[in-house]
Amino acid sequence: MKDLINTYLEENYPDHEILLAEGLEEAFLGVCESFGNPKACYDYRQCVDIIMTGKCHDGEPMSFEEAEEWMQTNVVNAYVGEFTPAFLYRFNKQGFFDDNDYLG
Protein backbone atom coordinates (compact mmCIF):
# COMPACT_ATOMS: atom_id res chain seq x y z
CA MET A 1 0.00 0.00 0.00
CA LYS A 2 2.83 2.39 0.84
CA ASP A 3 4.38 1.99 -2.62
CA LEU A 4 1.00 2.54 -4.27
CA ILE A 5 0.47 5.78 -2.31
CA ASN A 6 3.98 7.02 -3.10
CA THR A 7 3.50 6.31 -6.81
CA TYR A 8 0.18 8.17 -6.77
CA LEU A 9 1.78 11.18 -5.07
CA GLU A 10 4.81 11.21 -7.39
CA GLU A 11 2.60 11.07 -10.49
CA ASN A 12 -0.02 13.59 -9.37
CA TYR A 13 1.94 15.96 -7.11
CA PRO A 14 5.53 15.90 -8.42
CA ASP A 15 6.28 19.46 -7.27
CA HIS A 16 5.03 19.02 -3.69
CA GLU A 17 6.46 17.34 -0.64
CA ILE A 18 3.40 15.62 0.79
CA LEU A 19 4.13 14.10 4.19
CA LEU A 20 2.64 10.75 5.14
CA ALA A 21 1.66 9.34 8.53
CA GLU A 22 3.91 6.32 8.99
CA GLY A 23 2.07 3.06 9.60
CA LEU A 24 -1.37 4.47 8.81
CA GLU A 25 -1.41 3.72 5.07
CA GLU A 26 -4.63 1.67 5.29
CA ALA A 27 -6.45 4.81 6.48
CA PHE A 28 -5.14 7.00 3.61
CA LEU A 29 -8.06 8.62 1.75
CA GLY A 30 -6.21 10.78 -0.75
CA VAL A 31 -5.05 14.37 -0.92
CA CYS A 32 -6.84 17.49 0.27
CA GLU A 33 -5.77 21.03 -0.46
CA SER A 34 -5.94 24.29 1.44
CA PHE A 35 -4.44 27.60 0.33
CA GLY A 36 -2.59 25.82 -2.47
CA ASN A 37 -0.93 23.34 -0.14
CA PRO A 38 -1.82 19.72 -0.88
CA LYS A 39 -1.58 17.36 2.06
CA ALA A 40 -2.28 13.70 2.75
CA CYS A 41 -5.72 13.05 4.19
CA TYR A 42 -6.58 10.13 6.47
CA ASP A 43 -9.74 8.75 8.01
CA TYR A 44 -9.36 9.60 11.70
CA ARG A 45 -11.35 6.64 13.01
CA GLN A 46 -9.53 4.17 10.76
CA CYS A 47 -6.28 5.53 12.17
CA VAL A 48 -7.50 4.88 15.71
CA ASP A 49 -8.53 1.35 14.72
CA ILE A 50 -5.05 0.71 13.28
CA ILE A 51 -3.42 2.04 16.45
CA MET A 52 -5.65 -0.24 18.55
CA THR A 53 -4.11 -3.26 16.78
CA GLY A 54 -0.57 -2.11 17.57
CA LYS A 55 0.46 -2.01 13.90
CA CYS A 56 1.93 1.50 13.87
CA HIS A 57 3.65 2.01 17.22
CA ASP A 58 5.40 -0.32 19.66
CA GLY A 59 3.29 -3.33 18.70
CA GLU A 60 1.14 -3.50 21.81
CA PRO A 61 -2.64 -3.53 21.32
CA MET A 62 -4.52 -0.68 23.00
CA SER A 63 -8.06 0.02 24.10
CA PHE A 64 -10.09 2.52 22.08
CA GLU A 65 -9.48 5.23 24.69
CA GLU A 66 -5.73 4.58 24.79
CA ALA A 67 -5.49 4.53 21.00
CA GLU A 68 -7.46 7.75 20.64
CA GLU A 69 -5.23 9.49 23.21
CA TRP A 70 -2.11 8.17 21.40
CA MET A 71 -3.53 9.37 18.07
CA GLN A 72 -4.24 12.86 19.42
CA THR A 73 -0.88 13.21 21.17
CA ASN A 74 1.46 11.61 18.65
CA VAL A 75 -0.24 12.13 15.30
CA VAL A 76 -2.95 14.80 15.14
CA ASN A 77 -1.07 17.32 17.28
CA ALA A 78 2.34 16.58 15.76
CA TYR A 79 2.84 19.61 13.52
CA VAL A 80 5.68 19.00 11.06
CA GLY A 81 5.20 21.98 8.78
CA GLU A 82 2.69 23.24 6.25
CA PHE A 83 2.35 19.79 4.66
CA THR A 84 1.40 18.05 7.92
CA PRO A 85 -1.25 15.42 7.11
CA ALA A 86 -4.94 16.15 7.71
CA PHE A 87 -7.39 13.83 9.45
CA LEU A 88 -11.03 13.58 8.45
CA TYR A 89 -13.69 13.16 11.13
CA ARG A 90 -16.61 11.64 9.24
CA PHE A 91 -20.14 13.00 9.47
CA ASN A 92 -23.02 10.57 9.08
CA LYS A 93 -26.32 11.20 7.31
CA GLN A 94 -28.18 11.84 10.56
CA GLY A 95 -25.89 14.80 11.18
CA PHE A 96 -23.75 13.55 14.04
CA PHE A 97 -20.63 11.49 14.61
CA ASP A 98 -21.37 7.89 15.57
CA ASP A 99 -18.55 5.57 16.69
CA ASN A 100 -20.55 2.58 15.49
CA ASP A 101 -20.28 3.85 11.91
CA TYR A 102 -16.58 2.94 11.95
CA LEU A 103 -16.33 -0.30 13.84
CA GLY A 104 -15.18 -2.89 11.43
PDB file of N, CA and C in Angstrom:
ATOM      1  N   MET A   1       0.823  -1.191   0.000  1.00  0.00           N
ATOM      2  CA  MET A   1       0.000   0.000   0.000  1.00  0.00           C
ATOM      3  C   MET A   1       0.875   1.267   0.000  1.00  0.00           C
ATOM      4  N   LYS A   2       1.953   1.222   0.761  1.00  0.00           N
ATOM      5  CA  LYS A   2       2.830   2.388   0.840  1.00  0.00           C
ATOM      6  C   LYS A   2       3.403   2.749  -0.530  1.00  0.00           C
ATOM      7  N   ASP A   3       3.835   1.747  -1.285  1.00  0.00           N
ATOM      8  CA  ASP A   3       4.380   1.992  -2.620  1.00  0.00           C
ATOM      9  C   ASP A   3       3.320   2.566  -3.550  1.00  0.00           C
ATOM     10  N   LEU A   4       2.111   2.055  -3.451  1.00  0.00           N
ATOM     11  CA  LEU A   4       1.002   2.543  -4.271  1.00  0.00           C
ATOM     12  C   LEU A   4       0.717   4.022  -3.978  1.00  0.00           C
ATOM     13  N   ILE A   5       0.706   4.379  -2.705  1.00  0.00           N
ATOM     14  CA  ILE A   5       0.474   5.779  -2.307  1.00  0.00           C
ATOM     15  C   ILE A   5       1.606   6.664  -2.824  1.00  0.00           C
ATOM     16  N   ASN A   6       2.836   6.225  -2.634  1.00  0.00           N
ATOM     17  CA  ASN A   6       3.983   7.024  -3.099  1.00  0.00           C
ATOM     18  C   ASN A   6       3.962   7.221  -4.606  1.00  0.00           C
ATOM     19  N   THR A   7       3.595   6.187  -5.358  1.00  0.00           N
ATOM     20  CA  THR A   7       3.500   6.307  -6.814  1.00  0.00           C
ATOM     21  C   THR A   7       2.418   7.315  -7.189  1.00  0.00           C
ATOM     22  N   TYR A   8       1.273   7.226  -6.531  1.00  0.00           N
ATOM     23  CA  TYR A   8       0.180   8.173  -6.775  1.00  0.00           C
ATOM     24  C   TYR A   8       0.636   9.607  -6.527  1.00  0.00           C
ATOM     25  N   LEU A   9       1.328   9.832  -5.418  1.00  0.00           N
ATOM     26  CA  LEU A   9       1.781  11.182  -5.074  1.00  0.00           C
ATOM     27  C   LEU A   9       2.836  11.680  -6.061  1.00  0.00           C
ATOM     28  N   GLU A  10       3.766  10.826  -6.436  1.00  0.00           N
ATOM     29  CA  GLU A  10       4.810  11.210  -7.393  1.00  0.00           C
ATOM     30  C   GLU A  10       4.220  11.578  -8.752  1.00  0.00           C
ATOM     31  N   GLU A  11       3.200  10.827  -9.182  1.00  0.00           N
ATOM     32  CA  GLU A  11       2.598  11.071 -10.489  1.00  0.00           C
ATOM     33  C   GLU A  11       1.684  12.297 -10.497  1.00  0.00           C
ATOM     34  N   ASN A  12       0.986  12.528  -9.401  1.00  0.00           N
ATOM     35  CA  ASN A  12      -0.018  13.591  -9.371  1.00  0.00           C
ATOM     36  C   ASN A  12       0.423  14.874  -8.670  1.00  0.00           C
ATOM     37  N   TYR A  13       1.458  14.791  -7.848  1.00  0.00           N
ATOM     38  CA  TYR A  13       1.943  15.965  -7.107  1.00  0.00           C
ATOM     39  C   TYR A  13       3.469  16.011  -7.132  1.00  0.00           C
ATOM     40  N   PRO A  14       4.066  15.985  -8.326  1.00  0.00           N
ATOM     41  CA  PRO A  14       5.528  15.900  -8.417  1.00  0.00           C
ATOM     42  C   PRO A  14       6.265  17.105  -7.840  1.00  0.00           C
ATOM     43  N   ASP A  15       5.617  18.240  -7.757  1.00  0.00           N
ATOM     44  CA  ASP A  15       6.280  19.456  -7.273  1.00  0.00           C
ATOM     45  C   ASP A  15       5.999  19.757  -5.805  1.00  0.00           C
ATOM     46  N   HIS A  16       5.396  18.798  -5.096  1.00  0.00           N
ATOM     47  CA  HIS A  16       5.027  19.025  -3.688  1.00  0.00           C
ATOM     48  C   HIS A  16       5.592  17.920  -2.806  1.00  0.00           C
ATOM     49  N   GLU A  17       5.978  18.305  -1.611  1.00  0.00           N
ATOM     50  CA  GLU A  17       6.464  17.340  -0.637  1.00  0.00           C
ATOM     51  C   GLU A  17       5.312  17.019   0.315  1.00  0.00           C
ATOM     52  N   ILE A  18       4.551  16.003  -0.023  1.00  0.00           N
ATOM     53  CA  ILE A  18       3.399  15.621   0.791  1.00  0.00           C
ATOM     54  C   ILE A  18       3.872  14.618   1.833  1.00  0.00           C
ATOM     55  N   LEU A  19       3.682  14.957   3.100  1.00  0.00           N
ATOM     56  CA  LEU A  19       4.131  14.104   4.194  1.00  0.00           C
ATOM     57  C   LEU A  19       3.075  13.052   4.505  1.00  0.00           C
ATOM     58  N   LEU A  20       3.539  11.853   4.819  1.00  0.00           N
ATOM     59  CA  LEU A  20       2.635  10.746   5.135  1.00  0.00           C
ATOM     60  C   LEU A  20       2.751  10.372   6.604  1.00  0.00           C
ATOM     61  N   ALA A  21       1.682   9.824   7.148  1.00  0.00           N
ATOM     62  CA  ALA A  21       1.663   9.338   8.527  1.00  0.00           C
ATOM     63  C   ALA A  21       2.116   7.880   8.514  1.00  0.00           C
ATOM     64  N   GLU A  22       3.294   7.642   9.019  1.00  0.00           N
ATOM     65  CA  GLU A  22       3.914   6.323   8.991  1.00  0.00           C
ATOM     66  C   GLU A  22       3.046   5.281   9.701  1.00  0.00           C
ATOM     67  N   GLY A  23       2.812   4.166   9.016  1.00  0.00           N
ATOM     68  CA  GLY A  23       2.067   3.064   9.604  1.00  0.00           C
ATOM     69  C   GLY A  23       0.560   3.162   9.462  1.00  0.00           C
ATOM     70  N   LEU A  24       0.073   4.260   8.919  1.00  0.00           N
ATOM     71  CA  LEU A  24      -1.375   4.469   8.809  1.00  0.00           C
ATOM     72  C   LEU A  24      -1.847   4.422   7.354  1.00  0.00           C
ATOM     73  N   GLU A  25      -1.100   3.759   6.504  1.00  0.00           N
ATOM     74  CA  GLU A  25      -1.408   3.721   5.074  1.00  0.00           C
ATOM     75  C   GLU A  25      -2.813   3.196   4.779  1.00  0.00           C
ATOM     76  N   GLU A  26      -3.298   2.244   5.539  1.00  0.00           N
ATOM     77  CA  GLU A  26      -4.627   1.673   5.290  1.00  0.00           C
ATOM     78  C   GLU A  26      -5.736   2.698   5.505  1.00  0.00           C
ATOM     79  N   ALA A  27      -5.458   3.767   6.216  1.00  0.00           N
ATOM     80  CA  ALA A  27      -6.454   4.813   6.475  1.00  0.00           C
ATOM     81  C   ALA A  27      -6.316   5.995   5.510  1.00  0.00           C
ATOM     82  N   PHE A  28      -5.373   5.923   4.573  1.00  0.00           N
ATOM     83  CA  PHE A  28      -5.144   6.999   3.606  1.00  0.00           C
ATOM     84  C   PHE A  28      -6.360   7.139   2.690  1.00  0.00           C
ATOM     85  N   LEU A  29      -6.900   8.349   2.600  1.00  0.00           N
ATOM     86  CA  LEU A  29      -8.062   8.623   1.755  1.00  0.00           C
ATOM     87  C   LEU A  29      -7.679   9.266   0.432  1.00  0.00           C
ATOM     88  N   GLY A  30      -6.618  10.045   0.444  1.00  0.00           N
ATOM     89  CA  GLY A  30      -6.211  10.777  -0.747  1.00  0.00           C
ATOM     90  C   GLY A  30      -5.531  12.066  -0.330  1.00  0.00           C
ATOM     91  N   VAL A  31      -5.696  13.086  -1.159  1.00  0.00           N
ATOM     92  CA  VAL A  31      -5.045  14.367  -0.920  1.00  0.00           C
ATOM     93  C   VAL A  31      -6.107  15.451  -0.826  1.00  0.00           C
ATOM     94  N   CYS A  32      -5.974  16.313   0.171  1.00  0.00           N
ATOM     95  CA  CYS A  32      -6.835  17.490   0.271  1.00  0.00           C
ATOM     96  C   CYS A  32      -5.947  18.714   0.104  1.00  0.00           C
ATOM     97  N   GLU A  33      -6.550  19.839  -0.189  1.00  0.00           N
ATOM     98  CA  GLU A  33      -5.767  21.031  -0.458  1.00  0.00           C
ATOM     99  C   GLU A  33      -6.385  22.227   0.240  1.00  0.00           C
ATOM    100  N   SER A  34      -5.510  23.060   0.789  1.00  0.00           N
ATOM    101  CA  SER A  34      -5.943  24.288   1.444  1.00  0.00           C
ATOM    102  C   SER A  34      -4.902  25.362   1.165  1.00  0.00           C
ATOM    103  N   PHE A  35      -5.332  26.493   0.648  1.00  0.00           N
ATOM    104  CA  PHE A  35      -4.442  27.603   0.327  1.00  0.00           C
ATOM    105  C   PHE A  35      -3.291  27.175  -0.574  1.00  0.00           C
ATOM    106  N   GLY A  36      -3.592  26.275  -1.520  1.00  0.00           N
ATOM    107  CA  GLY A  36      -2.585  25.825  -2.468  1.00  0.00           C
ATOM    108  C   GLY A  36      -1.615  24.796  -1.947  1.00  0.00           C
ATOM    109  N   ASN A  37      -1.814  24.339  -0.725  1.00  0.00           N
ATOM    110  CA  ASN A  37      -0.929  23.342  -0.135  1.00  0.00           C
ATOM    111  C   ASN A  37      -1.621  21.986  -0.081  1.00  0.00           C
ATOM    112  N   PRO A  38      -1.243  21.060  -0.957  1.00  0.00           N
ATOM    113  CA  PRO A  38      -1.823  19.722  -0.879  1.00  0.00           C
ATOM    114  C   PRO A  38      -1.230  18.973   0.309  1.00  0.00           C
ATOM    115  N   LYS A  39      -2.055  18.165   0.942  1.00  0.00           N
ATOM    116  CA  LYS A  39      -1.583  17.356   2.064  1.00  0.00           C
ATOM    117  C   LYS A  39      -2.322  16.036   2.087  1.00  0.00           C
ATOM    118  N   ALA A  40      -1.672  15.028   2.621  1.00  0.00           N
ATOM    119  CA  ALA A  40      -2.282  13.705   2.745  1.00  0.00           C
ATOM    120  C   ALA A  40      -3.477  13.803   3.686  1.00  0.00           C
ATOM    121  N   CYS A  41      -4.518  13.061   3.372  1.00  0.00           N
ATOM    122  CA  CYS A  41      -5.721  13.054   4.194  1.00  0.00           C
ATOM    123  C   CYS A  41      -6.037  11.623   4.609  1.00  0.00           C
ATOM    124  N   TYR A  42      -6.303  11.448   5.891  1.00  0.00           N
ATOM    125  CA  TYR A  42      -6.576  10.132   6.468  1.00  0.00           C
ATOM    126  C   TYR A  42      -7.920  10.125   7.173  1.00  0.00           C
ATOM    127  N   ASP A  43      -8.521   8.948   7.249  1.00  0.00           N
ATOM    128  CA  ASP A  43      -9.742   8.748   8.014  1.00  0.00           C
ATOM    129  C   ASP A  43      -9.334   8.612   9.490  1.00  0.00           C
ATOM    130  N   TYR A  44      -9.753   9.566  10.293  1.00  0.00           N
ATOM    131  CA  TYR A  44      -9.356   9.605  11.704  1.00  0.00           C
ATOM    132  C   TYR A  44      -9.684   8.294  12.419  1.00  0.00           C
ATOM    133  N   ARG A  45     -10.922   7.831  12.276  1.00  0.00           N
ATOM    134  CA  ARG A  45     -11.348   6.639  13.014  1.00  0.00           C
ATOM    135  C   ARG A  45     -10.600   5.396  12.543  1.00  0.00           C
ATOM    136  N   GLN A  46     -10.325   5.304  11.253  1.00  0.00           N
ATOM    137  CA  GLN A  46      -9.532   4.174  10.762  1.00  0.00           C
ATOM    138  C   GLN A  46      -8.136   4.208  11.369  1.00  0.00           C
ATOM    139  N   CYS A  47      -7.590   5.401  11.528  1.00  0.00           N
ATOM    140  CA  CYS A  47      -6.277   5.530  12.168  1.00  0.00           C
ATOM    141  C   CYS A  47      -6.328   4.991  13.596  1.00  0.00           C
ATOM    142  N   VAL A  48      -7.355   5.366  14.332  1.00  0.00           N
ATOM    143  CA  VAL A  48      -7.505   4.883  15.712  1.00  0.00           C
ATOM    144  C   VAL A  48      -7.616   3.360  15.715  1.00  0.00           C
ATOM    145  N   ASP A  49      -8.388   2.810  14.797  1.00  0.00           N
ATOM    146  CA  ASP A  49      -8.527   1.354  14.716  1.00  0.00           C
ATOM    147  C   ASP A  49      -7.184   0.675  14.454  1.00  0.00           C
ATOM    148  N   ILE A  50      -6.374   1.258  13.565  1.00  0.00           N
ATOM    149  CA  ILE A  50      -5.045   0.707  13.275  1.00  0.00           C
ATOM    150  C   ILE A  50      -4.172   0.770  14.528  1.00  0.00           C
ATOM    151  N   ILE A  51      -4.207   1.885  15.222  1.00  0.00           N
ATOM    152  CA  ILE A  51      -3.417   2.044  16.450  1.00  0.00           C
ATOM    153  C   ILE A  51      -3.849   1.027  17.501  1.00  0.00           C
ATOM    154  N   MET A  52      -5.148   0.756  17.587  1.00  0.00           N
ATOM    155  CA  MET A  52      -5.646  -0.235  18.549  1.00  0.00           C
ATOM    156  C   MET A  52      -5.006  -1.604  18.331  1.00  0.00           C
ATOM    157  N   THR A  53      -4.705  -1.952  17.082  1.00  0.00           N
ATOM    158  CA  THR A  53      -4.109  -3.258  16.778  1.00  0.00           C
ATOM    159  C   THR A  53      -2.623  -3.312  17.130  1.00  0.00           C
ATOM    160  N   GLY A  54      -1.999  -2.155  17.289  1.00  0.00           N
ATOM    161  CA  GLY A  54      -0.567  -2.109  17.572  1.00  0.00           C
ATOM    162  C   GLY A  54       0.297  -2.102  16.331  1.00  0.00           C
ATOM    163  N   LYS A  55      -0.301  -1.930  15.153  1.00  0.00           N
ATOM    164  CA  LYS A  55       0.457  -2.010  13.899  1.00  0.00           C
ATOM    165  C   LYS A  55       1.344  -0.809  13.620  1.00  0.00           C
ATOM    166  N   CYS A  56       1.134   0.326  14.259  1.00  0.00           N
ATOM    167  CA  CYS A  56       1.928   1.505  13.872  1.00  0.00           C
ATOM    168  C   CYS A  56       2.693   2.138  15.024  1.00  0.00           C
ATOM    169  N   HIS A  57       2.848   1.456  16.109  1.00  0.00           N
ATOM    170  CA  HIS A  57       3.652   2.014  17.218  1.00  0.00           C
ATOM    171  C   HIS A  57       4.515   0.909  17.787  1.00  0.00           C
ATOM    172  N   ASP A  58       4.498   0.670  19.070  1.00  0.00           N
ATOM    173  CA  ASP A  58       5.396  -0.324  19.658  1.00  0.00           C
ATOM    174  C   ASP A  58       4.903  -1.762  19.551  1.00  0.00           C
ATOM    175  N   GLY A  59       3.778  -1.968  18.898  1.00  0.00           N
ATOM    176  CA  GLY A  59       3.287  -3.327  18.696  1.00  0.00           C
ATOM    177  C   GLY A  59       2.311  -3.835  19.732  1.00  0.00           C
ATOM    178  N   GLU A  60       2.072  -3.074  20.768  1.00  0.00           N
ATOM    179  CA  GLU A  60       1.144  -3.499  21.813  1.00  0.00           C
ATOM    180  C   GLU A  60      -0.266  -3.044  21.486  1.00  0.00           C
ATOM    181  N   PRO A  61      -1.252  -3.942  21.522  1.00  0.00           N
ATOM    182  CA  PRO A  61      -2.640  -3.531  21.319  1.00  0.00           C
ATOM    183  C   PRO A  61      -3.079  -2.549  22.407  1.00  0.00           C
ATOM    184  N   MET A  62      -4.019  -1.688  22.059  1.00  0.00           N
ATOM    185  CA  MET A  62      -4.523  -0.680  22.997  1.00  0.00           C
ATOM    186  C   MET A  62      -6.046  -0.701  22.996  1.00  0.00           C
ATOM    187  N   SER A  63      -6.615  -0.183  24.061  1.00  0.00           N
ATOM    188  CA  SER A  63      -8.063   0.022  24.102  1.00  0.00           C
ATOM    189  C   SER A  63      -8.394   1.202  23.194  1.00  0.00           C
ATOM    190  N   PHE A  64      -9.682   1.392  22.904  1.00  0.00           N
ATOM    191  CA  PHE A  64     -10.093   2.525  22.083  1.00  0.00           C
ATOM    192  C   PHE A  64      -9.637   3.838  22.712  1.00  0.00           C
ATOM    193  N   GLU A  65      -9.844   3.993  24.007  1.00  0.00           N
ATOM    194  CA  GLU A  65      -9.485   5.232  24.695  1.00  0.00           C
ATOM    195  C   GLU A  65      -7.986   5.485  24.645  1.00  0.00           C
ATOM    196  N   GLU A  66      -7.185   4.441  24.859  1.00  0.00           N
ATOM    197  CA  GLU A  66      -5.733   4.584  24.792  1.00  0.00           C
ATOM    198  C   GLU A  66      -5.276   4.942  23.375  1.00  0.00           C
ATOM    199  N   ALA A  67      -5.862   4.273  22.394  1.00  0.00           N
ATOM    200  CA  ALA A  67      -5.486   4.529  21.005  1.00  0.00           C
ATOM    201  C   ALA A  67      -5.871   5.937  20.581  1.00  0.00           C
ATOM    202  N   GLU A  68      -7.041   6.400  21.005  1.00  0.00           N
ATOM    203  CA  GLU A  68      -7.457   7.754  20.645  1.00  0.00           C
ATOM    204  C   GLU A  68      -6.543   8.792  21.299  1.00  0.00           C
ATOM    205  N   GLU A  69      -6.162   8.571  22.541  1.00  0.00           N
ATOM    206  CA  GLU A  69      -5.226   9.488  23.210  1.00  0.00           C
ATOM    207  C   GLU A  69      -3.869   9.475  22.501  1.00  0.00           C
ATOM    208  N   TRP A  70      -3.384   8.290  22.116  1.00  0.00           N
ATOM    209  CA  TRP A  70      -2.112   8.173  21.403  1.00  0.00           C
ATOM    210  C   TRP A  70      -2.196   8.895  20.072  1.00  0.00           C
ATOM    211  N   MET A  71      -3.310   8.717  19.372  1.00  0.00           N
ATOM    212  CA  MET A  71      -3.527   9.371  18.073  1.00  0.00           C
ATOM    213  C   MET A  71      -3.491  10.888  18.228  1.00  0.00           C
ATOM    214  N   GLN A  72      -4.204  11.414  19.207  1.00  0.00           N
ATOM    215  CA  GLN A  72      -4.241  12.862  19.423  1.00  0.00           C
ATOM    216  C   GLN A  72      -2.856  13.400  19.776  1.00  0.00           C
ATOM    217  N   THR A  73      -2.176  12.729  20.687  1.00  0.00           N
ATOM    218  CA  THR A  73      -0.879  13.206  21.171  1.00  0.00           C
ATOM    219  C   THR A  73       0.231  13.075  20.142  1.00  0.00           C
ATOM    220  N   ASN A  74       0.310  11.923  19.499  1.00  0.00           N
ATOM    221  CA  ASN A  74       1.458  11.612  18.649  1.00  0.00           C
ATOM    222  C   ASN A  74       1.246  11.823  17.158  1.00  0.00           C
ATOM    223  N   VAL A  75       0.011  12.006  16.730  1.00  0.00           N
ATOM    224  CA  VAL A  75      -0.243  12.126  15.299  1.00  0.00           C
ATOM    225  C   VAL A  75      -0.953  13.446  14.982  1.00  0.00           C
ATOM    226  N   VAL A  76      -2.152  13.619  15.477  1.00  0.00           N
ATOM    227  CA  VAL A  76      -2.945  14.804  15.136  1.00  0.00           C
ATOM    228  C   VAL A  76      -2.255  16.092  15.572  1.00  0.00           C
ATOM    229  N   ASN A  77      -1.695  16.099  16.755  1.00  0.00           N
ATOM    230  CA  ASN A  77      -1.071  17.320  17.282  1.00  0.00           C
ATOM    231  C   ASN A  77       0.424  17.404  17.001  1.00  0.00           C
ATOM    232  N   ALA A  78       0.924  16.560  16.123  1.00  0.00           N
ATOM    233  CA  ALA A  78       2.342  16.576  15.765  1.00  0.00           C
ATOM    234  C   ALA A  78       2.516  17.420  14.496  1.00  0.00           C
ATOM    235  N   TYR A  79       2.670  18.709  14.660  1.00  0.00           N
ATOM    236  CA  TYR A  79       2.843  19.614  13.522  1.00  0.00           C
ATOM    237  C   TYR A  79       4.261  19.481  12.983  1.00  0.00           C
ATOM    238  N   VAL A  80       4.364  19.152  11.694  1.00  0.00           N
ATOM    239  CA  VAL A  80       5.682  19.003  11.064  1.00  0.00           C
ATOM    240  C   VAL A  80       5.804  19.899   9.836  1.00  0.00           C
ATOM    241  N   GLY A  81       5.121  21.026   9.871  1.00  0.00           N
ATOM    242  CA  GLY A  81       5.195  21.983   8.781  1.00  0.00           C
ATOM    243  C   GLY A  81       3.892  22.106   8.024  1.00  0.00           C
ATOM    244  N   GLU A  82       3.916  22.934   6.981  1.00  0.00           N
ATOM    245  CA  GLU A  82       2.693  23.242   6.249  1.00  0.00           C
ATOM    246  C   GLU A  82       2.097  22.039   5.520  1.00  0.00           C
ATOM    247  N   PHE A  83       2.866  20.979   5.341  1.00  0.00           N
ATOM    248  CA  PHE A  83       2.350  19.787   4.664  1.00  0.00           C
ATOM    249  C   PHE A  83       2.019  18.663   5.643  1.00  0.00           C
ATOM    250  N   THR A  84       1.829  19.021   6.918  1.00  0.00           N
ATOM    251  CA  THR A  84       1.400  18.055   7.922  1.00  0.00           C
ATOM    252  C   THR A  84       0.099  17.405   7.453  1.00  0.00           C
ATOM    253  N   PRO A  85      -0.020  16.078   7.547  1.00  0.00           N
ATOM    254  CA  PRO A  85      -1.251  15.415   7.109  1.00  0.00           C
ATOM    255  C   PRO A  85      -2.496  15.937   7.828  1.00  0.00           C
ATOM    256  N   ALA A  86      -3.636  15.775   7.154  1.00  0.00           N
ATOM    257  CA  ALA A  86      -4.937  16.152   7.710  1.00  0.00           C
ATOM    258  C   ALA A  86      -5.712  14.878   8.058  1.00  0.00           C
ATOM    259  N   PHE A  87      -6.614  14.984   8.999  1.00  0.00           N
ATOM    260  CA  PHE A  87      -7.390  13.835   9.450  1.00  0.00           C
ATOM    261  C   PHE A  87      -8.870  14.177   9.393  1.00  0.00           C
ATOM    262  N   LEU A  88      -9.614  13.354   8.681  1.00  0.00           N
ATOM    263  CA  LEU A  88     -11.031  13.579   8.447  1.00  0.00           C
ATOM    264  C   LEU A  88     -11.865  12.902   9.528  1.00  0.00           C
ATOM    265  N   TYR A  89     -12.713  13.680  10.165  1.00  0.00           N
ATOM    266  CA  TYR A  89     -13.687  13.162  11.127  1.00  0.00           C
ATOM    267  C   TYR A  89     -14.997  13.054  10.351  1.00  0.00           C
ATOM    268  N   ARG A  90     -15.429  11.846  10.092  1.00  0.00           N
ATOM    269  CA  ARG A  90     -16.610  11.639   9.237  1.00  0.00           C
ATOM    270  C   ARG A  90     -17.896  12.096   9.911  1.00  0.00           C
ATOM    271  N   PHE A  91     -18.837  12.485   9.086  1.00  0.00           N
ATOM    272  CA  PHE A  91     -20.137  13.004   9.471  1.00  0.00           C
ATOM    273  C   PHE A  91     -21.169  12.070   8.859  1.00  0.00           C
ATOM    274  N   ASN A  92     -22.058  11.498   9.671  1.00  0.00           N
ATOM    275  CA  ASN A  92     -23.020  10.572   9.076  1.00  0.00           C
ATOM    276  C   ASN A  92     -24.277  11.298   8.605  1.00  0.00           C
ATOM    277  N   LYS A  93     -25.145  10.588   7.930  1.00  0.00           N
ATOM    278  CA  LYS A  93     -26.322  11.201   7.307  1.00  0.00           C
ATOM    279  C   LYS A  93     -27.321  11.765   8.308  1.00  0.00           C
ATOM    280  N   GLN A  94     -27.275  11.292   9.539  1.00  0.00           N
ATOM    281  CA  GLN A  94     -28.178  11.837  10.559  1.00  0.00           C
ATOM    282  C   GLN A  94     -27.642  13.148  11.143  1.00  0.00           C
ATOM    283  N   GLY A  95     -26.434  13.517  10.760  1.00  0.00           N
ATOM    284  CA  GLY A  95     -25.894  14.800  11.177  1.00  0.00           C
ATOM    285  C   GLY A  95     -25.032  14.776  12.413  1.00  0.00           C
ATOM    286  N   PHE A  96     -24.623  13.592  12.875  1.00  0.00           N
ATOM    287  CA  PHE A  96     -23.753  13.545  14.036  1.00  0.00           C
ATOM    288  C   PHE A  96     -22.761  12.407  13.893  1.00  0.00           C
ATOM    289  N   PHE A  97     -21.675  12.510  14.626  1.00  0.00           N
ATOM    290  CA  PHE A  97     -20.633  11.495  14.607  1.00  0.00           C
ATOM    291  C   PHE A  97     -21.116  10.294  15.426  1.00  0.00           C
ATOM    292  N   ASP A  98     -20.942   9.105  14.881  1.00  0.00           N
ATOM    293  CA  ASP A  98     -21.373   7.893  15.569  1.00  0.00           C
ATOM    294  C   ASP A  98     -20.252   6.892  15.497  1.00  0.00           C
ATOM    295  N   ASP A  99     -19.659   6.539  16.658  1.00  0.00           N
ATOM    296  CA  ASP A  99     -18.554   5.572  16.691  1.00  0.00           C
ATOM    297  C   ASP A  99     -18.900   4.276  15.995  1.00  0.00           C
ATOM    298  N   ASN A 100     -20.162   3.851  16.080  1.00  0.00           N
ATOM    299  CA  ASN A 100     -20.546   2.581  15.492  1.00  0.00           C
ATOM    300  C   ASN A 100     -20.456   2.597  13.972  1.00  0.00           C
ATOM    301  N   ASP A 101     -20.426   3.760  13.354  1.00  0.00           N
ATOM    302  CA  ASP A 101     -20.283   3.852  11.907  1.00  0.00           C
ATOM    303  C   ASP A 101     -18.917   3.346  11.444  1.00  0.00           C
ATOM    304  N   TYR A 102     -17.947   3.267  12.349  1.00  0.00           N
ATOM    305  CA  TYR A 102     -16.580   2.940  11.950  1.00  0.00           C
ATOM    306  C   TYR A 102     -16.102   1.599  12.427  1.00  0.00           C
ATOM    307  N   LEU A 103     -16.806   0.981  13.323  1.00  0.00           N
ATOM    308  CA  LEU A 103     -16.333  -0.303  13.836  1.00  0.00           C
ATOM    309  C   LEU A 103     -16.359  -1.328  12.722  1.00  0.00           C
ATOM    310  N   GLY A 104     -15.250  -1.971  12.536  1.00  0.00           N
ATOM    311  CA  GLY A 104     -15.184  -2.894  11.427  1.00  0.00           C
ATOM    312  C   GLY A 104     -14.474  -4.122  11.692  1.00  0.00           C
TER     313      GLY A 104
END
